[in-house]
């Protein structure tokens, strides 16, 4: 069943690229943008949904223990043109049987043409190639990947003490003063998750090239606007309320984190937060957005703190 799921991944990649031909990456190397567009594709085409966590668990990693749930497999198969997972397997078995018959026929025809010296030469070459590959793999384990974070608009390095970069498999990576990270990795490929204030979070995967790389991050415009609103004097409160209403989902939850732990946290819903942001309260001035989550181009969750006056 594992081989069948791998084949399904390939078909998912092919179908996605029909709609987004600019994507030239293997499905296991898709960026956060590609994953979000794929989620939207599933919603439009088959009325289904998979989470980003599911994608990283079942698509980016090689699953050898067990397959995803059948209902999810059925949904993915419908996206690539099959009635169900069972129908996909039936078609695959039929194609394998046809191919096996062709292979057996070719083997019988070719067996009489193979000389003993040709076989020996092939074995020698294969052994030498294998030893060379092992040596290269051992050497590559000591190499380091240098990755720099760059603003997608200004093309300048993103420098912030609050940037958090972590390996998907676990572990935090330190960001230097130039906005770059160094990733020593013994794996043939690895993925990093980047979380920077006022930028959209992204996850990027790398192959075993170990060449210096650049990651471009897109500004979180809504988060920047909310910060701007809190730091400027209110002139047109009706216009600001309309702007905030457009940014926030009706189901949005907003968490205010206190820098002083004894005061804990405070939670607002959409209307409460809009009221706070359109009322001249000094306690809500100059806020710093710590995290935002989006649902259908609207903010569904905000986490922020109020910066203390110097």
Protein backbone atom coordinates (compact mmCIF):
# COMPACT_ATOMS: atom_id res chain seq x y z
CA UNK A 1 0.00 0.00 0.00
CA UNK A 2 2.95 2.34 0.62
CA UNK A 3 3.95 2.26 -3.06
CA UNK A 4 0.37 3.00 -4.05
CA UNK A 5 0.28 6.07 -1.79
CA UNK A 6 3.58 7.29 -3.28
CA UNK A 7 2.02 7.01 -6.73
CA UNK A 8 -1.01 8.95 -5.50
CA UNK A 9 1.33 11.71 -4.28
CA UNK A 10 2.80 11.95 -7.78
CA UNK A 11 -0.66 12.26 -9.31
CA UNK A 12 -1.59 14.95 -6.77
CA UNK A 13 1.53 16.89 -7.74
CA UNK A 14 0.74 16.54 -11.48
CA UNK A 15 -2.87 17.66 -11.04
CA UNK A 16 -1.85 20.66 -8.93
CA UNK A 17 0.74 21.77 -11.50
CA UNK A 18 -1.94 21.80 -14.20
CA UNK A 19 -3.52 24.71 -12.30
CA UNK A 20 -0.25 26.22 -11.05
CA UNK A 21 2.36 25.55 -13.78
CA UNK A 22 4.75 28.05 -12.17
CA UNK A 23 5.36 25.51 -9.39
CA UNK A 24 8.32 23.34 -10.42
CA UNK A 25 8.98 21.76 -7.01
CA UNK A 26 8.51 18.16 -5.99
CA UNK A 27 5.43 17.85 -3.77
CA UNK A 28 7.67 17.05 -0.78
CA UNK A 29 9.46 20.39 -1.28
CA UNK A 30 6.37 22.60 -1.58
CA UNK A 31 6.49 25.93 0.23
CA UNK A 32 3.85 27.19 2.63
CA UNK A 33 2.26 29.11 -0.26
CA UNK A 34 1.93 25.96 -2.37
CA UNK A 35 0.39 24.07 0.55
CA UNK A 36 -2.20 26.81 1.14
CA UNK A 37 -3.10 26.89 -2.57
CA UNK A 38 -3.41 23.10 -2.57
CA UNK A 39 -5.78 23.31 0.42
CA UNK A 40 -7.91 25.81 -1.50
CA UNK A 41 -7.84 23.56 -4.59
CA UNK A 42 -9.22 20.62 -2.59
CA UNK A 43 -11.97 22.82 -1.22
CA UNK A 44 -13.00 24.06 -4.66
CA UNK A 45 -12.72 20.79 -6.57
CA UNK A 46 -13.89 18.10 -4.11
CA UNK A 47 -15.16 20.04 -1.09
CA UNK A 48 -12.45 18.57 1.12
CA UNK A 49 -9.83 19.89 3.53
CA UNK A 50 -6.49 18.78 4.95
CA UNK A 51 -4.52 20.67 7.59
CA UNK A 52 -0.95 21.87 7.13
CA UNK A 53 0.09 19.47 9.90
CA UNK A 54 -1.50 16.55 7.98
CA UNK A 55 0.41 17.61 4.85
CA UNK A 56 3.76 17.56 6.64
CA UNK A 57 2.96 14.25 8.35
CA UNK A 58 1.75 12.32 5.30
CA UNK A 59 3.14 14.11 2.24
CA UNK A 60 6.54 15.54 3.13
CA UNK A 61 7.60 12.48 5.13
CA UNK A 62 7.82 8.94 3.81
CA UNK A 63 5.02 7.05 5.59
CA UNK A 64 5.92 3.38 5.87
CA UNK A 65 3.90 2.32 8.91
CA UNK A 66 0.31 3.10 8.04
CA UNK A 67 -1.75 4.96 5.47
CA UNK A 68 -3.96 8.00 6.12
CA UNK A 69 -7.64 7.48 6.87
CA UNK A 70 -9.69 6.00 4.01
CA UNK A 71 -12.02 9.00 3.86
CA UNK A 72 -9.04 11.30 3.23
CA UNK A 73 -7.64 8.90 0.62
CA UNK A 74 -11.05 8.84 -1.11
CA UNK A 75 -11.05 12.66 -1.22
CA UNK A 76 -7.53 12.84 -2.68
CA UNK A 77 -8.38 10.19 -5.28
CA UNK A 78 -11.43 12.17 -6.38
CA UNK A 79 -9.17 15.20 -6.88
CA UNK A 80 -7.02 13.24 -9.36
CA UNK A 81 -10.01 11.77 -11.21
CA UNK A 82 -10.79 8.46 -9.46
CA UNK A 83 -14.07 7.51 -7.86
CA UNK A 84 -12.40 6.31 -4.65
CA UNK A 85 -9.22 4.86 -3.15
CA UNK A 86 -10.47 1.36 -4.00
CA UNK A 87 -10.97 2.36 -7.63
CA UNK A 88 -7.46 3.84 -7.71
CA UNK A 89 -6.00 0.57 -6.38
CA UNK A 90 -7.96 -1.50 -8.91
CA UNK A 91 -6.68 0.61 -11.79
CA UNK A 92 -3.13 0.42 -10.45
CA UNK A 93 -3.25 -3.40 -10.15
CA UNK A 94 -4.57 -3.71 -13.70
CA UNK A 95 -1.72 -1.54 -15.02
CA UNK A 96 0.86 -3.49 -13.01
CA UNK A 97 -0.39 -6.80 -14.41
CA UNK A 98 -0.09 -5.50 -17.96
CA UNK A 99 3.40 -4.13 -17.32
CA UNK A 100 4.55 -7.36 -15.66
CA UNK A 101 3.49 -9.37 -18.71
CA UNK A 102 5.53 -7.05 -20.93
CA UNK A 103 8.57 -7.32 -18.65
CA UNK A 104 8.46 -11.13 -18.57
CA UNK A 105 8.23 -11.25 -22.34
CA UNK A 106 11.22 -8.90 -22.69
CA UNK A 107 13.26 -10.90 -20.19
CA UNK A 108 12.80 -14.09 -22.18
CA UNK A 109 13.90 -12.35 -25.38
CA UNK A 110 16.91 -10.64 -23.80
CA UNK A 111 18.23 -13.57 -21.75
CA UNK A 112 19.74 -15.23 -24.83
CA UNK A 113 21.68 -12.05 -25.72
CA UNK A 114 23.53 -11.46 -22.43
CA UNK A 115 27.25 -12.47 -22.39
CA UNK A 116 29.15 -13.51 -19.14
CA UNK A 117 31.71 -10.74 -19.59
CA UNK A 118 28.97 -8.10 -19.81
CA UNK A 119 27.50 -9.23 -16.49
CA UNK A 120 30.90 -9.10 -14.75
CA UNK A 121 31.59 -5.60 -16.09
CA UNK A 122 28.21 -4.40 -14.88
CA UNK A 123 28.82 -5.77 -11.37
CA UNK A 124 32.25 -4.10 -11.11
CA UNK A 125 30.90 -0.73 -12.21
CA UNK A 126 27.96 -1.00 -9.81
CA UNK A 127 30.23 -1.80 -6.84
CA UNK A 128 32.57 1.11 -7.62
CA UNK A 129 29.63 3.48 -8.01
CA UNK A 130 28.15 2.31 -4.71
CA UNK A 131 31.42 2.84 -2.82
CA UNK A 132 31.79 6.30 -4.30
CA UNK A 133 28.22 7.23 -3.34
CA UNK A 134 28.79 6.08 0.26
CA UNK A 135 31.94 8.19 0.48
CA UNK A 136 30.12 11.26 -0.83
CA UNK A 137 27.28 10.75 1.61
CA UNK A 138 29.70 10.56 4.57
CA UNK A 139 31.41 13.75 3.45
CA UNK A 140 28.13 15.60 2.96
CA UNK A 141 27.09 14.83 6.54
CA UNK A 142 29.65 17.36 7.82
CA UNK A 143 28.56 20.21 5.52
CA UNK A 144 26.50 23.18 6.68
CA UNK A 145 23.64 25.03 4.99
CA UNK A 146 23.68 28.83 5.30
CA UNK A 147 20.22 30.36 4.89
CA UNK A 148 19.44 34.11 5.01
CA UNK A 149 16.01 35.65 5.57
CA UNK A 150 15.11 38.45 3.16
CA UNK A 151 12.11 40.79 2.85
CA UNK A 152 10.18 39.88 -0.32
CA UNK A 153 9.50 43.55 -1.13
CA UNK A 154 12.67 45.40 -0.14
CA UNK A 155 15.08 42.49 -0.75
CA UNK A 156 16.82 43.52 2.47
CA UNK A 157 17.88 41.17 5.27
CA UNK A 158 15.31 40.69 8.02
CA UNK A 159 17.03 41.42 11.33
CA UNK A 160 15.08 40.90 14.53
CA UNK A 161 15.87 39.38 17.91
CA UNK A 162 12.41 37.78 17.94
CA UNK A 163 12.77 35.67 14.77
CA UNK A 164 12.24 32.00 15.57
CA UNK A 165 13.50 29.28 13.24
CA UNK A 166 12.99 25.63 14.08
CA UNK A 167 13.56 22.28 12.42
CA UNK A 168 10.32 20.43 11.68
CA UNK A 169 11.86 17.32 13.26
CA UNK A 170 12.58 19.28 16.45
CA UNK A 171 15.06 21.85 17.69
CA UNK A 172 15.48 25.65 17.56
CA UNK A 173 18.07 27.25 15.26
CA UNK A 174 19.78 30.49 16.30
CA UNK A 175 19.51 33.49 13.95
CA UNK A 176 22.63 35.68 13.71
CA UNK A 177 22.80 39.49 13.60
CA UNK A 178 22.66 39.45 9.79
CA UNK A 179 19.37 37.54 9.69
CA UNK A 180 21.01 34.26 8.66
CA UNK A 181 21.01 30.75 10.10
CA UNK A 182 23.43 27.85 9.73
CA UNK A 183 21.92 24.38 9.57
CA UNK A 184 24.31 21.48 10.07
CA UNK A 185 22.37 18.45 8.90
CA UNK A 186 23.22 14.78 8.55
CA UNK A 187 19.97 14.16 6.70
CA UNK A 188 19.61 14.15 2.92
CA UNK A 189 16.83 16.72 3.27
CA UNK A 190 15.27 18.80 6.03
CA UNK A 191 12.56 21.40 6.63
CA UNK A 192 12.59 24.60 8.70
CA UNK A 193 9.68 26.67 10.03
CA UNK A 194 10.22 30.46 10.19
CA UNK A 195 8.24 32.74 12.50
CA UNK A 196 9.16 36.46 12.34
CA UNK A 197 7.20 39.43 13.76
CA UNK A 198 5.05 41.16 11.13
CA UNK A 199 5.82 38.54 8.48
CA UNK A 200 3.72 35.58 7.33
CA UNK A 201 5.01 32.33 8.77
CA UNK A 202 6.51 29.94 6.23
CA UNK A 203 7.97 26.45 6.08
CA UNK A 204 10.72 25.63 3.59
CA UNK A 205 12.32 22.30 2.76
CA UNK A 206 15.83 21.77 1.40
CA UNK A 207 17.46 18.97 -0.56
CA UNK A 208 20.97 17.66 -0.03
CA UNK A 209 22.65 20.39 -2.13
CA UNK A 210 23.96 22.19 0.95
CA UNK A 211 24.41 25.43 -0.98
CA UNK A 212 23.80 28.86 0.64
CA UNK A 213 20.13 29.72 0.24
CA UNK A 214 17.81 32.69 0.62
CA UNK A 215 14.29 32.57 2.05
CA UNK A 216 12.01 35.49 1.17
CA UNK A 217 9.23 36.30 3.64
CA UNK A 218 6.08 38.29 2.87
CA UNK A 219 5.03 41.12 5.18
CA UNK A 220 1.93 40.53 7.29
CA UNK A 221 0.17 43.72 6.14
CA UNK A 222 -2.80 43.38 8.50
CA UNK A 223 -0.56 42.93 11.54
CA UNK A 224 1.44 46.03 10.52
CA UNK A 225 -1.77 48.04 10.09
CA UNK A 226 -3.07 47.06 13.53
CA UNK A 227 0.26 48.07 15.08
CA UNK A 228 0.07 51.36 13.16
CA UNK A 229 -3.49 51.98 14.36
CA UNK A 230 -2.43 51.56 17.99
CA UNK A 231 0.55 53.91 17.65
CA UNK A 232 -1.25 56.80 15.90
CA UNK A 233 -3.93 59.22 16.96
CA UNK A 234 -7.48 58.37 15.93
CA UNK A 235 -8.99 60.80 13.40
CA UNK A 236 -11.72 58.92 11.53
CA UNK A 237 -13.03 56.24 13.93
CA UNK A 238 -15.78 55.07 11.56
CA UNK A 239 -13.25 54.39 8.78
CA UNK A 240 -10.98 52.56 11.21
CA UNK A 241 -13.84 50.38 12.42
CA UNK A 242 -14.61 49.43 8.78
CA UNK A 243 -10.96 48.59 8.17
CA UNK A 244 -10.74 46.39 11.28
CA UNK A 245 -14.02 44.70 10.40
CA UNK A 246 -12.59 43.81 6.98
CA UNK A 247 -9.38 42.39 8.47
CA UNK A 248 -10.91 40.24 11.20
CA UNK A 249 -12.95 37.06 10.86
CA UNK A 250 -16.28 37.09 12.70
CA UNK A 251 -14.98 34.15 14.76
CA UNK A 252 -11.66 35.83 15.56
CA UNK A 253 -10.15 35.43 19.02
CA UNK A 254 -7.62 37.99 20.24
CA UNK A 255 -5.31 37.28 23.16
CA UNK A 256 -3.48 40.04 25.04
CA UNK A 257 -0.39 38.75 26.83
CA UNK A 258 0.88 40.67 29.85
CA UNK A 259 4.61 41.18 30.21
CA UNK A 260 4.03 40.99 33.95
CA UNK A 261 3.06 37.34 34.57
CA UNK A 262 0.95 38.10 37.64
CA UNK A 263 -1.67 39.79 35.43
CA UNK A 264 -1.99 36.76 33.14
CA UNK A 265 -3.78 37.15 29.79
CA UNK A 266 -6.97 38.76 28.50
CA UNK A 267 -9.14 37.56 25.61
CA UNK A 268 -11.29 39.64 23.24
CA UNK A 269 -13.72 38.70 20.52
CA UNK A 270 -13.89 40.64 17.24
CA UNK A 271 -16.28 43.39 18.36
CA UNK A 272 -14.58 43.85 21.73
CA UNK A 273 -11.22 44.27 20.04
CA UNK A 274 -12.62 46.75 17.49
CA UNK A 275 -14.13 48.75 20.35
CA UNK A 276 -10.79 48.76 22.15
CA UNK A 277 -8.93 49.87 19.03
CA UNK A 278 -11.35 52.74 18.39
CA UNK A 279 -11.39 54.03 21.94
CA UNK A 280 -8.60 56.40 23.10
CA UNK A 281 -7.28 54.08 25.81
CA UNK A 282 -3.63 54.52 26.68
CA UNK A 283 -3.50 50.91 27.88
CA UNK A 284 -3.91 49.68 24.29
CA UNK A 285 -1.51 52.07 22.60
CA UNK A 286 1.61 50.89 20.78
CA UNK A 287 0.83 47.18 20.80
CA UNK A 288 3.19 44.56 19.39
CA UNK A 289 1.67 41.73 17.37
CA UNK A 290 3.27 38.43 18.38
CA UNK A 291 1.33 36.03 16.16
CA UNK A 292 -1.50 36.00 13.62
CA UNK A 293 -3.36 33.10 12.01
CA UNK A 294 -5.50 33.46 8.89
CA UNK A 295 -8.61 31.76 7.55
CA UNK A 296 -9.73 32.68 4.02
CA UNK A 297 -7.71 35.93 3.94
CA UNK A 298 -9.03 37.13 7.30
CA UNK A 299 -7.36 37.03 10.70
CA UNK A 300 -8.82 34.26 12.86
CA UNK A 301 -6.39 34.60 15.77
CA UNK A 302 -4.16 37.36 17.16
CA UNK A 303 -1.72 37.24 20.05
CA UNK A 304 -0.26 40.60 21.15
CA UNK A 305 1.32 42.50 24.00
CA UNK A 306 1.42 46.18 24.91
CA UNK A 307 4.85 47.78 24.79
CA UNK A 308 5.76 49.66 27.94
CA UNK A 309 6.68 53.32 27.72
CA UNK A 310 10.39 53.92 28.00
